[in-house]
């Protein structure tokens, strides 16, 4: 399936990257615009630190003319939310024959839709909590009270509620009693038309980043996430002091190996390439449960992939430059 970062501690960017022109896309119009801009600036600085020619641009009406006038050798997508993760932008870049870091449009669409991704993971034998996907229209048509009662009967309590598409913890909530469920559903529907209602698994919240510099995917050290209020929501992710991270995660050797293997299995099952981040819960028995897979991980100062790169003893700029060189080699 691949190896862990400890097996290959040295990262060397393939070939000469000094003459590559790289475009970093950040911003967009999703709820995650501010986070995306922070990610984009971090990527820009990291690539410039290793001598690369890099430009930062928003994904707006000026993008396609710019690509036609001065095609970059590779694009780094630092866009979060639908713009960066639903596959549509990647499809447009394919039409323009512009290579990019990360998975292709098909795999991106699959990973973006959490219920679809979970179905693929379950089919591959990868553990993921039981769930039901509930569109807002069905929720209203069938009667909110009756539907919610049935969900609780089937999945039990507590439950995890989150949008079926989206990231950064927006619209997510843990529901521990039936009385709190309607408000959580309303909050979720504010960020998406379909809610993913998932059996809540208690345990250690970890994220495992996967990178591939050309020798096959490797799992970086797991990052343990300890939010102060117990829920890794938007505020906990991006507000200083709200969360403590342990890199590497405080797992024994066997559990650490299991989460690495599960992350690599999820990356491969969804057909991903270059990089991904697999979010999991490790229960009291040391069993990982995959919650979701992110194809455009955050790159901010508190984001999990850069923390994992540092924990592996790797330089963030050199890792990114290796991924850029790998993408540029795919240019038609």
Foldseek 3Di string as FASTA:
>chain_A
DAAACLVPLDFFAPDDQLPFEEEEEAADDAPCRVLLVQLSVLLVVLQVVVRHHYDYDYPDPCPVVVCVVPNGLEYEYSYFFCVRQLLPVLVVCVVSLHFYFKFHSQLSNQQQQQVSLVVLCVVLVQFAFDKDKAFQVCCVVVDVVVVLVVCCVVQNDFKWKAARGGDLQQLIDTRGDSVCVVVSVVRRVVRHRMMIIGRDADAWKWKWKWFPLPPAIHIFAIKTKAFPVRDRHNCSQPPPPRIDIDVRDPDPPVLRVQVRVSVSSSCVSSPMHGMKMWIWGQHPVSRTHTHGIGGNFRRHPRTDVVSRCVSSVHRPSSSVSSSRSVRSVPRD
